[in-house]
């Protein structure tokens, strides 16, 4: 990282320091806002993109995979631009062939685009997971936590066979809900 100001901001992101986060948000969001508004976006889009970019940076920091060769502000702006371009591309508002460009190309490794797309998929999953009934959510949460069918059966008071059947039905229902959404087909088109 090298830069003392970058280090302070990155530490603030990791620890959730409200003062540092607030200052970083104020200083970096105005440029992101201008870019998104000038490129077919609205205020809600700005808030979504900024939050997604912060989450992505936080995840990279906690996994120790963030390689920063520039200012955190430049990096953040580039991540926001790439997320926004990715969404626009899926909405067919800009050409599919447009490259992902930053002010300082050496700031990014190739995996950032993969991380952005993975984040978009997780966001879509979480959004529609909440539409499942409580029983299905509880069962799938246990399953995604890595619990065995026997453990889930004991926790929920069902037989193992019943849990297997309900898990299959819950996953099927979740996929049906997701596939009914146009965002699903936009994500599939990007693959």
N, C-alpha and C. Protein backbone atom coordinates (compact mmCIF):
# COMPACT_ATOMS: atom_id res chain seq x y z
N UNK A 1 0.84 -1.18 0.00
CA UNK A 1 0.00 0.00 0.00
C UNK A 1 0.88 1.24 0.00
N UNK A 2 1.75 1.36 0.95
CA UNK A 2 2.75 2.41 0.91
C UNK A 2 2.32 3.78 1.38
N UNK A 3 1.27 4.32 0.88
CA UNK A 3 0.81 5.67 1.18
C UNK A 3 0.13 5.69 2.55
N UNK A 4 0.58 6.61 3.42
CA UNK A 4 0.05 6.66 4.79
C UNK A 4 -1.45 6.97 4.81
N UNK A 5 -1.89 7.89 3.94
CA UNK A 5 -3.31 8.22 3.89
C UNK A 5 -4.13 7.00 3.44
N UNK A 6 -3.62 6.29 2.42
CA UNK A 6 -4.28 5.05 1.99
C UNK A 6 -4.39 4.07 3.15
N UNK A 7 -3.29 3.90 3.87
CA UNK A 7 -3.27 2.95 4.99
C UNK A 7 -4.32 3.30 6.05
N UNK A 8 -4.44 4.59 6.35
CA UNK A 8 -5.42 5.03 7.35
C UNK A 8 -6.84 4.74 6.87
N UNK A 9 -7.10 5.04 5.61
CA UNK A 9 -8.44 4.81 5.06
C UNK A 9 -8.75 3.31 5.01
N UNK A 10 -7.79 2.52 4.55
CA UNK A 10 -8.01 1.08 4.46
C UNK A 10 -8.24 0.46 5.84
N UNK A 11 -7.48 0.93 6.81
CA UNK A 11 -7.68 0.45 8.19
C UNK A 11 -9.07 0.85 8.69
N UNK A 12 -9.51 2.06 8.34
CA UNK A 12 -10.84 2.53 8.72
C UNK A 12 -11.94 1.70 8.08
N UNK A 13 -11.73 1.26 6.84
CA UNK A 13 -12.71 0.41 6.16
C UNK A 13 -12.79 -0.94 6.86
N UNK A 14 -11.64 -1.50 7.18
CA UNK A 14 -11.62 -2.81 7.85
C UNK A 14 -12.29 -2.75 9.22
N UNK A 15 -11.97 -1.71 9.99
CA UNK A 15 -12.49 -1.63 11.37
C UNK A 15 -13.88 -1.01 11.44
N UNK A 16 -14.35 -0.43 10.33
CA UNK A 16 -15.67 0.20 10.33
C UNK A 16 -15.68 1.53 11.05
N UNK A 17 -14.55 2.22 11.05
CA UNK A 17 -14.43 3.54 11.70
C UNK A 17 -15.38 4.53 11.01
N UNK A 18 -16.39 4.98 11.74
CA UNK A 18 -17.44 5.82 11.16
C UNK A 18 -16.91 7.16 10.66
N UNK A 19 -15.96 7.74 11.36
CA UNK A 19 -15.42 9.05 10.95
C UNK A 19 -14.64 8.91 9.65
N UNK A 20 -13.78 7.91 9.58
CA UNK A 20 -12.98 7.70 8.37
C UNK A 20 -13.89 7.32 7.20
N UNK A 21 -14.83 6.42 7.44
CA UNK A 21 -15.75 6.01 6.38
C UNK A 21 -16.57 7.19 5.87
N UNK A 22 -17.05 8.02 6.78
CA UNK A 22 -17.84 9.18 6.40
C UNK A 22 -17.02 10.15 5.56
N UNK A 23 -15.79 10.42 5.99
CA UNK A 23 -14.91 11.31 5.25
C UNK A 23 -14.58 10.74 3.87
N UNK A 24 -14.26 9.45 3.83
CA UNK A 24 -13.95 8.79 2.55
C UNK A 24 -15.16 8.84 1.62
N UNK A 25 -16.33 8.56 2.18
CA UNK A 25 -17.57 8.57 1.40
C UNK A 25 -17.80 9.96 0.79
N UNK A 26 -17.68 11.01 1.60
CA UNK A 26 -17.91 12.37 1.12
C UNK A 26 -16.93 12.76 0.03
N UNK A 27 -15.65 12.43 0.22
CA UNK A 27 -14.63 12.83 -0.74
C UNK A 27 -14.70 12.05 -2.04
N UNK A 28 -15.06 10.80 -1.98
CA UNK A 28 -15.02 9.97 -3.19
C UNK A 28 -16.33 9.91 -3.95
N UNK A 29 -17.44 10.10 -3.26
CA UNK A 29 -18.74 9.91 -3.89
C UNK A 29 -19.09 11.00 -4.90
N UNK A 30 -18.62 12.21 -4.72
CA UNK A 30 -19.00 13.28 -5.66
C UNK A 30 -18.55 12.98 -7.08
N UNK A 31 -17.36 12.40 -7.24
CA UNK A 31 -16.87 12.06 -8.58
C UNK A 31 -17.65 10.88 -9.16
N UNK A 32 -17.94 9.92 -8.31
CA UNK A 32 -18.72 8.76 -8.74
C UNK A 32 -20.12 9.22 -9.14
N UNK A 33 -20.72 10.10 -8.31
CA UNK A 33 -22.06 10.61 -8.59
C UNK A 33 -22.10 11.28 -9.97
N UNK A 34 -21.14 12.15 -10.21
CA UNK A 34 -21.11 12.86 -11.49
C UNK A 34 -21.02 11.87 -12.65
N UNK A 35 -20.15 10.90 -12.53
CA UNK A 35 -19.97 9.92 -13.60
C UNK A 35 -21.25 9.13 -13.86
N UNK A 36 -21.88 8.63 -12.81
CA UNK A 36 -23.08 7.79 -12.97
C UNK A 36 -24.25 8.62 -13.50
N UNK A 37 -24.45 9.81 -12.98
CA UNK A 37 -25.55 10.67 -13.44
C UNK A 37 -25.35 11.02 -14.91
N UNK A 38 -24.11 11.31 -15.32
CA UNK A 38 -23.83 11.65 -16.72
C UNK A 38 -23.97 10.45 -17.65
N UNK A 39 -24.03 9.26 -17.08
CA UNK A 39 -24.11 8.04 -17.88
C UNK A 39 -25.37 7.23 -17.55
N UNK A 40 -26.51 7.89 -17.66
CA UNK A 40 -27.83 7.26 -17.57
C UNK A 40 -28.24 6.79 -16.18
N UNK A 41 -27.59 7.27 -15.12
CA UNK A 41 -27.92 6.82 -13.79
C UNK A 41 -28.74 7.83 -13.00
N UNK A 42 -29.16 7.41 -11.83
CA UNK A 42 -29.90 8.27 -10.92
C UNK A 42 -29.25 8.20 -9.54
N UNK A 43 -29.78 8.95 -8.61
CA UNK A 43 -29.20 9.01 -7.26
C UNK A 43 -29.20 7.64 -6.58
N UNK A 44 -30.26 6.85 -6.78
CA UNK A 44 -30.31 5.51 -6.19
C UNK A 44 -29.21 4.62 -6.76
N UNK A 45 -28.94 4.76 -8.06
CA UNK A 45 -27.84 4.01 -8.68
C UNK A 45 -26.52 4.36 -8.02
N UNK A 46 -26.32 5.64 -7.73
CA UNK A 46 -25.08 6.09 -7.09
C UNK A 46 -24.91 5.39 -5.75
N UNK A 47 -25.97 5.41 -4.95
CA UNK A 47 -25.91 4.78 -3.62
C UNK A 47 -25.61 3.28 -3.73
N UNK A 48 -26.27 2.60 -4.67
CA UNK A 48 -26.05 1.16 -4.85
C UNK A 48 -24.63 0.86 -5.28
N UNK A 49 -24.13 1.62 -6.24
CA UNK A 49 -22.78 1.38 -6.77
C UNK A 49 -21.73 1.63 -5.69
N UNK A 50 -21.86 2.74 -4.97
CA UNK A 50 -20.91 3.07 -3.91
C UNK A 50 -20.90 1.97 -2.85
N UNK A 51 -22.08 1.51 -2.45
CA UNK A 51 -22.15 0.45 -1.44
C UNK A 51 -21.52 -0.84 -1.96
N UNK A 52 -21.83 -1.21 -3.19
CA UNK A 52 -21.25 -2.43 -3.76
C UNK A 52 -19.73 -2.33 -3.86
N UNK A 53 -19.22 -1.16 -4.24
CA UNK A 53 -17.77 -0.97 -4.35
C UNK A 53 -17.11 -1.06 -2.97
N UNK A 54 -17.74 -0.47 -1.96
CA UNK A 54 -17.18 -0.56 -0.60
C UNK A 54 -17.16 -2.00 -0.11
N UNK A 55 -18.21 -2.73 -0.40
CA UNK A 55 -18.27 -4.15 0.00
C UNK A 55 -17.16 -4.93 -0.70
N UNK A 56 -16.99 -4.67 -1.99
CA UNK A 56 -15.96 -5.37 -2.75
C UNK A 56 -14.56 -5.08 -2.19
N UNK A 57 -14.29 -3.82 -1.89
CA UNK A 57 -12.99 -3.45 -1.33
C UNK A 57 -12.82 -4.06 0.06
N UNK A 58 -13.86 -4.03 0.87
CA UNK A 58 -13.81 -4.64 2.19
C UNK A 58 -13.49 -6.14 2.09
N UNK A 59 -14.17 -6.82 1.17
CA UNK A 59 -13.92 -8.26 0.99
C UNK A 59 -12.48 -8.52 0.57
N UNK A 60 -11.97 -7.71 -0.34
CA UNK A 60 -10.58 -7.88 -0.78
C UNK A 60 -9.62 -7.61 0.37
N UNK A 61 -9.94 -6.63 1.20
CA UNK A 61 -9.07 -6.33 2.35
C UNK A 61 -9.06 -7.48 3.36
N UNK A 62 -10.24 -8.01 3.66
CA UNK A 62 -10.31 -9.08 4.66
C UNK A 62 -9.69 -10.37 4.15
N UNK A 63 -9.67 -10.56 2.83
CA UNK A 63 -9.03 -11.75 2.25
C UNK A 63 -7.57 -11.49 1.91
N UNK A 64 -7.13 -10.25 2.16
CA UNK A 64 -5.75 -9.83 1.87
C UNK A 64 -5.40 -10.02 0.40
N UNK A 65 -6.36 -9.70 -0.49
CA UNK A 65 -6.11 -9.82 -1.93
C UNK A 65 -6.10 -8.47 -2.63
N UNK A 66 -6.19 -7.39 -1.88
CA UNK A 66 -6.19 -6.06 -2.48
C UNK A 66 -4.75 -5.64 -2.76
N UNK A 67 -4.45 -5.43 -4.03
CA UNK A 67 -3.13 -4.93 -4.43
C UNK A 67 -3.33 -3.51 -4.93
N UNK A 68 -2.92 -2.56 -4.13
CA UNK A 68 -3.16 -1.16 -4.41
C UNK A 68 -1.88 -0.49 -4.89
N UNK A 69 -1.87 -0.03 -6.13
CA UNK A 69 -0.71 0.64 -6.71
C UNK A 69 -1.00 2.10 -7.02
N UNK A 70 -2.05 2.61 -6.41
CA UNK A 70 -2.47 3.99 -6.65
C UNK A 70 -3.24 4.46 -5.43
N UNK A 71 -3.76 5.66 -5.49
CA UNK A 71 -4.56 6.20 -4.40
C UNK A 71 -5.83 5.37 -4.23
N UNK A 72 -6.27 5.21 -2.99
CA UNK A 72 -7.51 4.49 -2.72
C UNK A 72 -8.68 5.18 -3.40
N UNK A 73 -8.61 6.50 -3.54
CA UNK A 73 -9.68 7.25 -4.22
C UNK A 73 -9.73 6.88 -5.70
N UNK A 74 -8.58 6.79 -6.33
CA UNK A 74 -8.52 6.41 -7.74
C UNK A 74 -9.02 4.99 -7.93
N UNK A 75 -8.58 4.11 -7.05
CA UNK A 75 -8.99 2.72 -7.11
C UNK A 75 -10.51 2.60 -6.93
N UNK A 76 -11.03 3.29 -5.91
CA UNK A 76 -12.46 3.25 -5.62
C UNK A 76 -13.28 3.78 -6.80
N UNK A 77 -12.83 4.89 -7.37
CA UNK A 77 -13.51 5.47 -8.53
C UNK A 77 -13.52 4.47 -9.69
N UNK A 78 -12.39 3.83 -9.92
CA UNK A 78 -12.31 2.84 -10.98
C UNK A 78 -13.22 1.65 -10.75
N UNK A 79 -13.29 1.18 -9.51
CA UNK A 79 -14.19 0.06 -9.18
C UNK A 79 -15.64 0.48 -9.44
N UNK A 80 -15.99 1.67 -8.98
CA UNK A 80 -17.36 2.17 -9.20
C UNK A 80 -17.68 2.27 -10.69
N UNK A 81 -16.75 2.83 -11.46
CA UNK A 81 -16.95 2.94 -12.91
C UNK A 81 -17.14 1.57 -13.54
N UNK A 82 -16.33 0.61 -13.13
CA UNK A 82 -16.44 -0.73 -13.71
C UNK A 82 -17.75 -1.41 -13.34
N UNK A 83 -18.17 -1.25 -12.09
CA UNK A 83 -19.46 -1.82 -11.68
C UNK A 83 -20.58 -1.18 -12.49
N UNK A 84 -20.55 0.15 -12.62
CA UNK A 84 -21.60 0.85 -13.36
C UNK A 84 -21.60 0.45 -14.83
N UNK A 85 -20.43 0.39 -15.45
CA UNK A 85 -20.35 -0.03 -16.85
C UNK A 85 -20.87 -1.44 -17.02
N UNK A 86 -20.55 -2.30 -16.07
CA UNK A 86 -21.03 -3.67 -16.13
C UNK A 86 -22.57 -3.70 -16.10
N UNK A 87 -23.16 -2.90 -15.23
CA UNK A 87 -24.63 -2.85 -15.16
C UNK A 87 -25.22 -2.25 -16.43
N UNK A 88 -24.61 -1.20 -16.93
CA UNK A 88 -25.11 -0.59 -18.17
C UNK A 88 -25.00 -1.58 -19.33
N UNK A 89 -23.89 -2.27 -19.38
CA UNK A 89 -23.67 -3.24 -20.45
C UNK A 89 -24.76 -4.29 -20.43
N UNK A 90 -25.10 -4.75 -19.23
CA UNK A 90 -26.16 -5.75 -19.12
C UNK A 90 -27.51 -5.17 -19.50
N UNK A 91 -27.68 -3.89 -19.29
CA UNK A 91 -28.94 -3.25 -19.65
C UNK A 91 -28.93 -2.82 -21.12
N UNK A 92 -27.84 -3.09 -21.81
CA UNK A 92 -27.70 -2.79 -23.23
C UNK A 92 -27.74 -1.29 -23.51
N UNK A 93 -27.32 -0.45 -22.55
CA UNK A 93 -27.28 0.99 -22.76
C UNK A 93 -25.95 1.43 -23.36
N UNK A 94 -24.94 0.56 -23.30
CA UNK A 94 -23.69 0.84 -23.98
C UNK A 94 -23.28 -0.42 -24.72
N UNK A 95 -22.39 -0.34 -25.65
CA UNK A 95 -22.03 -1.48 -26.47
C UNK A 95 -21.32 -2.55 -25.64
N UNK A 96 -21.55 -3.79 -26.05
CA UNK A 96 -20.95 -4.91 -25.33
C UNK A 96 -19.44 -4.93 -25.47
N UNK A 97 -18.91 -4.36 -26.54
CA UNK A 97 -17.48 -4.43 -26.77
C UNK A 97 -16.67 -3.38 -26.03
N UNK A 98 -17.31 -2.47 -25.30
CA UNK A 98 -16.56 -1.41 -24.64
C UNK A 98 -15.65 -1.99 -23.57
N UNK A 99 -14.44 -1.57 -23.57
CA UNK A 99 -13.45 -2.08 -22.61
C UNK A 99 -13.64 -1.41 -21.26
N UNK A 100 -13.17 -2.06 -20.24
CA UNK A 100 -13.16 -1.49 -18.91
C UNK A 100 -11.88 -0.69 -18.77
N UNK A 101 -12.02 0.61 -18.60
CA UNK A 101 -10.86 1.51 -18.57
C UNK A 101 -10.83 2.24 -17.25
N UNK A 102 -9.65 2.51 -16.76
CA UNK A 102 -9.50 3.33 -15.56
C UNK A 102 -8.54 4.45 -15.88
N UNK A 103 -8.43 5.41 -14.98
CA UNK A 103 -7.51 6.51 -15.19
C UNK A 103 -6.07 6.02 -15.12
N UNK A 104 -5.86 4.95 -14.39
CA UNK A 104 -4.51 4.47 -14.12
C UNK A 104 -4.55 2.95 -14.20
N UNK A 105 -4.43 2.39 -15.40
CA UNK A 105 -4.68 0.97 -15.63
C UNK A 105 -3.90 0.03 -14.73
N UNK A 106 -2.71 0.40 -14.27
CA UNK A 106 -1.95 -0.52 -13.45
C UNK A 106 -2.55 -0.70 -12.06
N UNK A 107 -3.60 0.05 -11.73
CA UNK A 107 -4.23 -0.09 -10.42
C UNK A 107 -5.05 -1.38 -10.30
N UNK A 108 -5.41 -1.98 -11.41
CA UNK A 108 -6.34 -3.10 -11.37
C UNK A 108 -5.70 -4.37 -11.87
N UNK A 109 -6.03 -5.47 -11.20
CA UNK A 109 -5.68 -6.76 -11.76
C UNK A 109 -6.93 -7.29 -12.48
N UNK A 110 -6.75 -8.31 -13.29
CA UNK A 110 -7.86 -8.82 -14.10
C UNK A 110 -8.98 -9.42 -13.27
N UNK A 111 -8.70 -9.82 -12.05
CA UNK A 111 -9.72 -10.48 -11.25
C UNK A 111 -10.79 -9.53 -10.74
N UNK A 112 -10.58 -8.22 -10.82
CA UNK A 112 -11.57 -7.26 -10.29
C UNK A 112 -12.90 -7.40 -11.03
N UNK A 113 -12.86 -7.61 -12.35
CA UNK A 113 -14.09 -7.77 -13.13
C UNK A 113 -14.82 -9.04 -12.68
N UNK A 114 -14.07 -10.12 -12.46
CA UNK A 114 -14.68 -11.36 -11.97
C UNK A 114 -15.32 -11.14 -10.60
N UNK A 115 -14.64 -10.39 -9.73
CA UNK A 115 -15.18 -10.09 -8.41
C UNK A 115 -16.47 -9.29 -8.51
N UNK A 116 -16.49 -8.33 -9.43
CA UNK A 116 -17.69 -7.50 -9.62
C UNK A 116 -18.85 -8.37 -10.08
N UNK A 117 -18.62 -9.24 -11.05
CA UNK A 117 -19.69 -10.09 -11.55
C UNK A 117 -20.17 -11.07 -10.48
N UNK A 118 -19.23 -11.60 -9.70
CA UNK A 118 -19.61 -12.50 -8.61
C UNK A 118 -20.47 -11.75 -7.58
N UNK A 119 -20.08 -10.51 -7.28
CA UNK A 119 -20.85 -9.69 -6.35
C UNK A 119 -22.27 -9.46 -6.87
N UNK A 120 -22.39 -9.20 -8.16
CA UNK A 120 -23.71 -8.99 -8.77
C UNK A 120 -24.56 -10.26 -8.62
N UNK A 121 -23.96 -11.42 -8.84
CA UNK A 121 -24.70 -12.67 -8.71
C UNK A 121 -25.14 -12.89 -7.26
N UNK A 122 -24.24 -12.61 -6.31
CA UNK A 122 -24.60 -12.77 -4.90
C UNK A 122 -25.70 -11.80 -4.50
N UNK A 123 -25.63 -10.58 -5.02
CA UNK A 123 -26.67 -9.58 -4.73
C UNK A 123 -28.03 -10.07 -5.23
N UNK A 124 -28.07 -10.61 -6.44
CA UNK A 124 -29.31 -11.14 -7.00
C UNK A 124 -29.82 -12.30 -6.16
N UNK A 125 -28.94 -13.21 -5.76
CA UNK A 125 -29.33 -14.34 -4.93
C UNK A 125 -29.93 -13.87 -3.61
N UNK A 126 -29.24 -12.95 -2.91
CA UNK A 126 -29.73 -12.47 -1.61
C UNK A 126 -31.09 -11.80 -1.75
N UNK A 127 -31.25 -11.02 -2.81
CA UNK A 127 -32.51 -10.29 -3.03
C UNK A 127 -33.69 -11.26 -3.12
N UNK A 128 -33.55 -12.35 -3.85
CA UNK A 128 -34.66 -13.26 -4.06
C UNK A 128 -34.74 -14.35 -2.99
N UNK A 129 -33.65 -14.60 -2.30
CA UNK A 129 -33.67 -15.53 -1.17
C UNK A 129 -34.67 -15.04 -0.13
N UNK A 130 -34.73 -13.72 0.06
CA UNK A 130 -35.63 -13.14 1.05
C UNK A 130 -37.10 -13.36 0.72
N UNK A 131 -37.42 -13.71 -0.53
CA UNK A 131 -38.80 -13.94 -0.92
C UNK A 131 -39.28 -15.35 -0.61
N UNK A 132 -38.37 -16.22 -0.20
CA UNK A 132 -38.76 -17.57 0.19
C UNK A 132 -39.50 -17.52 1.53
N UNK A 133 -40.29 -18.57 1.79
CA UNK A 133 -40.95 -18.61 3.11
C UNK A 133 -39.91 -18.92 4.18
N UNK A 134 -40.26 -18.65 5.43
CA UNK A 134 -39.30 -18.78 6.54
C UNK A 134 -38.72 -20.18 6.66
N UNK A 135 -39.54 -21.19 6.47
CA UNK A 135 -39.07 -22.57 6.59
C UNK A 135 -37.99 -22.87 5.54
N UNK A 136 -38.23 -22.46 4.30
CA UNK A 136 -37.26 -22.68 3.23
C UNK A 136 -35.97 -21.89 3.47
N UNK A 137 -36.12 -20.65 3.93
CA UNK A 137 -34.93 -19.84 4.23
C UNK A 137 -34.09 -20.50 5.32
N UNK A 138 -34.75 -20.97 6.36
CA UNK A 138 -34.04 -21.60 7.48
C UNK A 138 -33.32 -22.86 7.02
N UNK A 139 -34.02 -23.69 6.25
CA UNK A 139 -33.43 -24.93 5.76
C UNK A 139 -32.22 -24.64 4.86
N UNK A 140 -32.37 -23.72 3.91
CA UNK A 140 -31.27 -23.42 3.00
C UNK A 140 -30.10 -22.74 3.73
N UNK A 141 -30.39 -21.92 4.71
CA UNK A 141 -29.31 -21.31 5.50
C UNK A 141 -28.46 -22.39 6.16
N UNK A 142 -29.12 -23.37 6.77
CA UNK A 142 -28.38 -24.47 7.39
C UNK A 142 -27.54 -25.21 6.34
N UNK A 143 -28.14 -25.46 5.19
CA UNK A 143 -27.46 -26.18 4.12
C UNK A 143 -26.24 -25.39 3.63
N UNK A 144 -26.40 -24.07 3.41
CA UNK A 144 -25.30 -23.25 2.92
C UNK A 144 -24.21 -23.05 3.98
N UNK A 145 -24.56 -23.25 5.23
CA UNK A 145 -23.56 -23.19 6.30
C UNK A 145 -22.72 -24.46 6.36
N UNK A 146 -23.08 -25.45 5.52
CA UNK A 146 -22.29 -26.68 5.45
C UNK A 146 -22.75 -27.78 6.38
N UNK A 147 -23.93 -27.62 6.95
CA UNK A 147 -24.44 -28.65 7.86
C UNK A 147 -24.91 -29.87 7.06
N UNK A 148 -24.77 -31.03 7.66
CA UNK A 148 -25.20 -32.27 6.99
C UNK A 148 -26.73 -32.37 7.06
N UNK A 149 -27.28 -33.26 6.23
CA UNK A 149 -28.72 -33.48 6.22
C UNK A 149 -29.18 -33.98 7.60
N UNK A 150 -28.37 -34.78 8.24
CA UNK A 150 -28.71 -35.31 9.58
C UNK A 150 -28.78 -34.16 10.59
N UNK A 151 -27.79 -33.25 10.55
CA UNK A 151 -27.78 -32.11 11.48
C UNK A 151 -29.01 -31.23 11.25
N UNK A 152 -29.30 -30.97 9.98
CA UNK A 152 -30.47 -30.12 9.65
C UNK A 152 -31.75 -30.79 10.13
N UNK A 153 -31.84 -32.09 9.91
CA UNK A 153 -33.04 -32.83 10.35
C UNK A 153 -33.21 -32.70 11.87
N UNK A 154 -32.12 -32.87 12.60
CA UNK A 154 -32.18 -32.75 14.07
C UNK A 154 -32.57 -31.34 14.49
N UNK A 155 -31.99 -30.33 13.85
CA UNK A 155 -32.28 -28.94 14.21
C UNK A 155 -33.73 -28.55 13.92
N UNK A 156 -34.27 -29.11 12.82
CA UNK A 156 -35.60 -28.69 12.40
C UNK A 156 -36.70 -29.66 12.83
N UNK A 157 -36.30 -30.82 13.37
CA UNK A 157 -37.29 -31.78 13.86
C UNK A 157 -37.93 -32.59 12.76
N UNK A 158 -37.22 -32.82 11.65
CA UNK A 158 -37.74 -33.62 10.54
C UNK A 158 -36.88 -34.85 10.34
N UNK A 159 -37.36 -35.76 9.50
CA UNK A 159 -36.53 -36.91 9.13
C UNK A 159 -35.52 -36.46 8.07
N UNK A 160 -34.44 -37.24 7.92
CA UNK A 160 -33.42 -36.91 6.93
C UNK A 160 -33.99 -36.89 5.51
N UNK A 161 -34.82 -37.85 5.21
CA UNK A 161 -35.43 -37.94 3.88
C UNK A 161 -36.30 -36.73 3.59
N UNK A 162 -37.06 -36.30 4.59
CA UNK A 162 -37.92 -35.13 4.42
C UNK A 162 -37.07 -33.87 4.18
N UNK A 163 -35.98 -33.76 4.90
CA UNK A 163 -35.09 -32.60 4.74
C UNK A 163 -34.50 -32.58 3.32
N UNK A 164 -34.09 -33.75 2.83
CA UNK A 164 -33.56 -33.83 1.45
C UNK A 164 -34.61 -33.34 0.44
N UNK A 165 -35.82 -33.83 0.61
CA UNK A 165 -36.91 -33.46 -0.30
C UNK A 165 -37.19 -31.95 -0.20
N UNK A 166 -37.28 -31.43 1.02
CA UNK A 166 -37.57 -30.00 1.22
C UNK A 166 -36.43 -29.12 0.69
N UNK A 167 -35.19 -29.57 0.87
CA UNK A 167 -34.04 -28.82 0.35
C UNK A 167 -34.13 -28.72 -1.17
N UNK A 168 -34.43 -29.83 -1.82
CA UNK A 168 -34.57 -29.85 -3.27
C UNK A 168 -35.68 -28.89 -3.70
N UNK A 169 -36.82 -28.95 -3.03
CA UNK A 169 -37.95 -28.09 -3.37
C UNK A 169 -37.63 -26.61 -3.12
N UNK A 170 -36.92 -26.33 -2.02
CA UNK A 170 -36.57 -24.94 -1.69
C UNK A 170 -35.60 -24.37 -2.72
N UNK A 171 -34.60 -25.17 -3.11
CA UNK A 171 -33.64 -24.70 -4.13
C UNK A 171 -34.35 -24.50 -5.47
N UNK A 172 -35.25 -25.41 -5.78
CA UNK A 172 -36.01 -25.30 -7.03
C UNK A 172 -36.86 -24.02 -7.02
N UNK A 173 -37.50 -23.75 -5.91
CA UNK A 173 -38.34 -22.55 -5.78
C UNK A 173 -37.50 -21.28 -5.91
N UNK A 174 -36.34 -21.28 -5.26
CA UNK A 174 -35.45 -20.12 -5.34
C UNK A 174 -35.02 -19.88 -6.79
N UNK A 175 -34.66 -20.93 -7.50
CA UNK A 175 -34.26 -20.78 -8.90
C UNK A 175 -35.42 -20.27 -9.75
N UNK A 176 -36.63 -20.75 -9.47
CA UNK A 176 -37.81 -20.27 -10.20
C UNK A 176 -38.00 -18.77 -10.00
N UNK A 177 -37.88 -18.33 -8.76
CA UNK A 177 -38.04 -16.90 -8.45
C UNK A 177 -36.97 -16.09 -9.17
N UNK A 178 -35.74 -16.56 -9.13
CA UNK A 178 -34.63 -15.83 -9.77
C UNK A 178 -34.83 -15.79 -11.28
N UNK A 179 -35.21 -16.92 -11.88
CA UNK A 179 -35.37 -16.98 -13.33
C UNK A 179 -36.53 -16.13 -13.83
N UNK A 180 -37.49 -15.82 -12.98
CA UNK A 180 -38.60 -14.96 -13.37
C UNK A 180 -38.17 -13.50 -13.44
N UNK A 181 -37.00 -13.20 -12.94
CA UNK A 181 -36.49 -11.83 -12.91
C UNK A 181 -35.63 -11.58 -14.13
N UNK A 182 -35.76 -10.41 -14.72
CA UNK A 182 -34.99 -10.07 -15.91
C UNK A 182 -33.50 -9.97 -15.62
N UNK A 183 -33.11 -9.65 -14.38
CA UNK A 183 -31.69 -9.54 -14.02
C UNK A 183 -30.98 -10.88 -14.21
N UNK A 184 -31.69 -11.97 -14.01
CA UNK A 184 -31.10 -13.29 -14.18
C UNK A 184 -30.61 -13.46 -15.61
N UNK A 185 -31.44 -13.07 -16.57
CA UNK A 185 -31.07 -13.24 -17.96
C UNK A 185 -29.96 -12.27 -18.36
N UNK A 186 -29.93 -11.10 -17.73
CA UNK A 186 -28.84 -10.15 -17.98
C UNK A 186 -27.53 -10.72 -17.47
N UNK A 187 -27.55 -11.35 -16.29
CA UNK A 187 -26.33 -11.96 -15.76
C UNK A 187 -25.89 -13.13 -16.63
N UNK A 188 -26.84 -13.93 -17.10
CA UNK A 188 -26.50 -15.07 -17.95
C UNK A 188 -25.89 -14.58 -19.27
N UNK A 189 -26.37 -13.45 -19.79
CA UNK A 189 -25.85 -12.91 -21.05
C UNK A 189 -24.41 -12.46 -20.91
N UNK A 190 -24.00 -12.10 -19.72
CA UNK A 190 -22.63 -11.62 -19.48
C UNK A 190 -21.63 -12.75 -19.33
N UNK A 191 -22.11 -13.96 -19.13
CA UNK A 191 -21.18 -15.07 -18.88
C UNK A 191 -20.49 -15.50 -20.15
